Amino acid sequence: MTNLDTLRVLLYEAGSTGYTWVYNTQLTPDSDLDMIKTTYRELPGEGLGGGGKRTFIFEPTFDVFADANQDNFPKSQFVQLIYIQPWMLDQILLPDGTIDAALAEQLEIEYFLADITVEITLGQSNWCRGKWQ
């Protein structure tokens, strides 16, 4: 991923279950990626209560390229998405952004993780989100 790219993550979601994908911002509060948009689209032909696609769109932050020193690149960035009933998340999410798996099991809270690592590199151009570097 360069300063000219966006990261699109598409995940299946069964809306009628109450489960949805949530971006875990607590795990990486100083992220080099900004989530700029999330959308949900029902899949055609699924009928009432059928599933759909959740799309997350991320871009590198402007700050990640502020010091365009070649020695600082590539950089790795971690993103975690959690498939859970959102009202249950606060019960098991610890202040550092990790999940208390033992408590989740005790409370019978089901969740699924999508862990993504992205490599951020310098692009061919020094142009980044509308500003020259």
Protein backbone atom coordinates (compact mmCIF):
# COMPACT_ATOMS: atom_id res chain seq x y z
CA MET A 1 0.00 0.00 0.00
CA THR A 2 1.37 3.40 -0.95
CA ASN A 3 0.26 6.95 -0.27
CA LEU A 4 -1.83 6.69 -3.45
CA ASP A 5 -3.76 3.57 -2.43
CA THR A 6 -6.83 2.66 -0.42
CA LEU A 7 -7.42 -0.60 1.40
CA ARG A 8 -10.86 -2.13 0.87
CA VAL A 9 -11.93 -4.97 3.13
CA LEU A 10 -15.14 -6.82 2.18
CA LEU A 11 -16.67 -9.22 4.70
CA TYR A 12 -19.89 -11.23 4.77
CA GLU A 13 -22.41 -10.14 7.41
CA ALA A 14 -25.70 -11.77 8.45
CA GLY A 15 -27.68 -8.69 9.45
CA SER A 16 -30.69 -10.51 10.90
CA THR A 17 -28.51 -12.07 13.64
CA GLY A 18 -27.52 -8.71 15.11
CA TYR A 19 -23.88 -9.46 14.34
CA THR A 20 -21.87 -6.80 12.55
CA TRP A 21 -18.21 -6.13 11.81
CA VAL A 22 -16.65 -3.50 14.08
CA TYR A 23 -13.25 -1.80 13.57
CA ASN A 24 -11.25 -2.19 16.80
CA THR A 25 -9.76 1.31 17.13
CA GLN A 26 -8.74 0.70 20.75
CA LEU A 27 -6.16 -1.87 19.68
CA THR A 28 -4.27 0.60 17.45
CA PRO A 29 -5.16 4.13 18.63
CA ASP A 30 -2.16 5.65 16.81
CA SER A 31 -2.90 3.88 13.55
CA ASP A 32 -1.19 4.88 10.32
CA LEU A 33 -4.51 4.13 8.59
CA ASP A 34 -7.73 6.14 8.67
CA MET A 35 -11.03 4.34 8.19
CA ILE A 36 -12.71 6.74 5.80
CA LYS A 37 -15.92 4.82 5.13
CA THR A 38 -17.91 1.73 6.00
CA THR A 39 -20.98 0.53 4.13
CA TYR A 40 -23.37 -2.41 4.19
CA ARG A 41 -25.09 -3.77 1.10
CA GLU A 42 -27.62 -6.60 1.09
CA LEU A 43 -26.83 -9.38 -1.33
CA PRO A 44 -29.40 -9.74 -4.13
CA GLY A 45 -31.67 -12.76 -3.90
CA GLU A 46 -30.99 -13.35 -0.21
CA GLY A 47 -34.52 -12.35 0.81
CA LEU A 48 -35.70 -10.87 4.09
CA GLY A 49 -33.14 -11.48 6.83
CA GLY A 50 -30.53 -12.55 4.33
CA GLY A 51 -26.92 -11.57 4.45
CA GLY A 52 -24.89 -8.85 2.88
CA LYS A 53 -21.42 -7.38 2.48
CA ARG A 54 -19.78 -4.97 4.92
CA THR A 55 -17.07 -2.87 3.26
CA PHE A 56 -14.41 -0.95 5.15
CA ILE A 57 -12.25 1.57 3.28
CA PHE A 58 -8.94 2.71 4.76
CA GLU A 59 -6.32 5.24 3.59
CA PRO A 60 -2.85 5.93 4.96
CA THR A 61 -2.86 8.97 7.22
CA PHE A 62 -1.12 12.11 6.02
CA ASP A 63 1.19 11.94 9.06
CA VAL A 64 2.66 8.59 8.05
CA PHE A 65 4.31 10.29 5.05
CA ALA A 66 5.23 13.56 6.79
CA ASP A 67 8.78 12.28 7.31
CA ALA A 68 9.35 10.74 3.89
CA ASN A 69 12.70 9.28 4.96
CA GLN A 70 13.24 6.14 2.88
CA ASP A 71 14.78 4.42 5.93
CA ASN A 72 11.41 4.54 7.72
CA PHE A 73 9.69 2.46 5.04
CA PRO A 74 8.14 0.01 4.58
CA LYS A 75 5.95 0.26 7.69
CA SER A 76 3.57 -2.44 8.85
CA GLN A 77 0.12 -1.54 10.11
CA PHE A 78 -2.24 -3.90 11.91
CA VAL A 79 -6.03 -3.69 11.60
CA GLN A 80 -8.46 -5.81 13.59
CA LEU A 81 -12.13 -6.21 12.73
CA ILE A 82 -14.46 -7.98 15.16
CA TYR A 83 -17.66 -9.77 14.14
CA ILE A 84 -19.91 -9.45 17.18
CA GLN A 85 -23.23 -8.18 18.42
CA PRO A 86 -22.08 -4.61 19.16
CA TRP A 87 -23.89 -4.31 22.48
CA MET A 88 -21.79 -7.25 23.79
CA LEU A 89 -18.40 -5.80 22.82
CA ASP A 90 -18.00 -3.47 25.81
CA GLN A 91 -18.36 -6.43 28.17
CA ILE A 92 -15.26 -8.21 26.84
CA LEU A 93 -13.07 -5.49 25.30
CA LEU A 94 -10.22 -4.52 27.64
CA PRO A 95 -8.85 -0.93 27.80
CA ASP A 96 -5.80 -1.91 25.72
CA GLY A 97 -8.06 -3.15 22.90
CA THR A 98 -7.55 -6.87 23.48
CA ILE A 99 -10.45 -9.20 24.10
CA ASP A 100 -10.87 -11.06 27.38
CA ALA A 101 -11.43 -14.49 25.81
CA ALA A 102 -12.01 -16.20 29.17
CA LEU A 103 -14.74 -13.72 30.09
CA ALA A 104 -16.28 -14.03 26.62
CA GLU A 105 -16.45 -17.80 27.09
CA GLN A 106 -17.88 -17.44 30.61
CA LEU A 107 -20.56 -15.03 29.36
CA GLU A 108 -21.13 -17.17 26.24
CA ILE A 109 -20.39 -14.24 23.94
CA GLU A 110 -19.43 -15.40 20.46
CA TYR A 111 -17.14 -13.30 18.30
CA PHE A 112 -14.84 -13.74 15.33
CA LEU A 113 -11.68 -11.80 14.47
CA ALA A 114 -10.31 -10.66 11.12
CA ASP A 115 -6.69 -9.65 11.67
CA ILE A 116 -5.05 -7.81 8.77
CA THR A 117 -1.47 -6.58 8.43
CA VAL A 118 -0.77 -4.01 5.72
CA GLU A 119 2.64 -2.90 4.48
CA ILE A 120 2.84 0.83 3.77
CA THR A 121 5.51 1.95 1.31
CA LEU A 122 6.40 5.16 -0.47
CA GLY A 123 4.69 5.48 -3.84
CA GLN A 124 6.14 6.64 -7.12
CA SER A 125 4.91 10.15 -6.40
CA ASN A 126 5.35 12.36 -3.37
CA TRP A 127 1.73 13.43 -3.74
CA CYS A 128 -0.31 12.34 -0.76
CA ARG A 129 -3.98 13.21 -0.17
CA GLY A 130 -3.81 16.56 -1.87
CA LYS A 131 -0.53 17.89 -0.51
CA TRP A 132 3.02 17.91 -1.79
CA GLN A 133 5.62 16.44 0.53
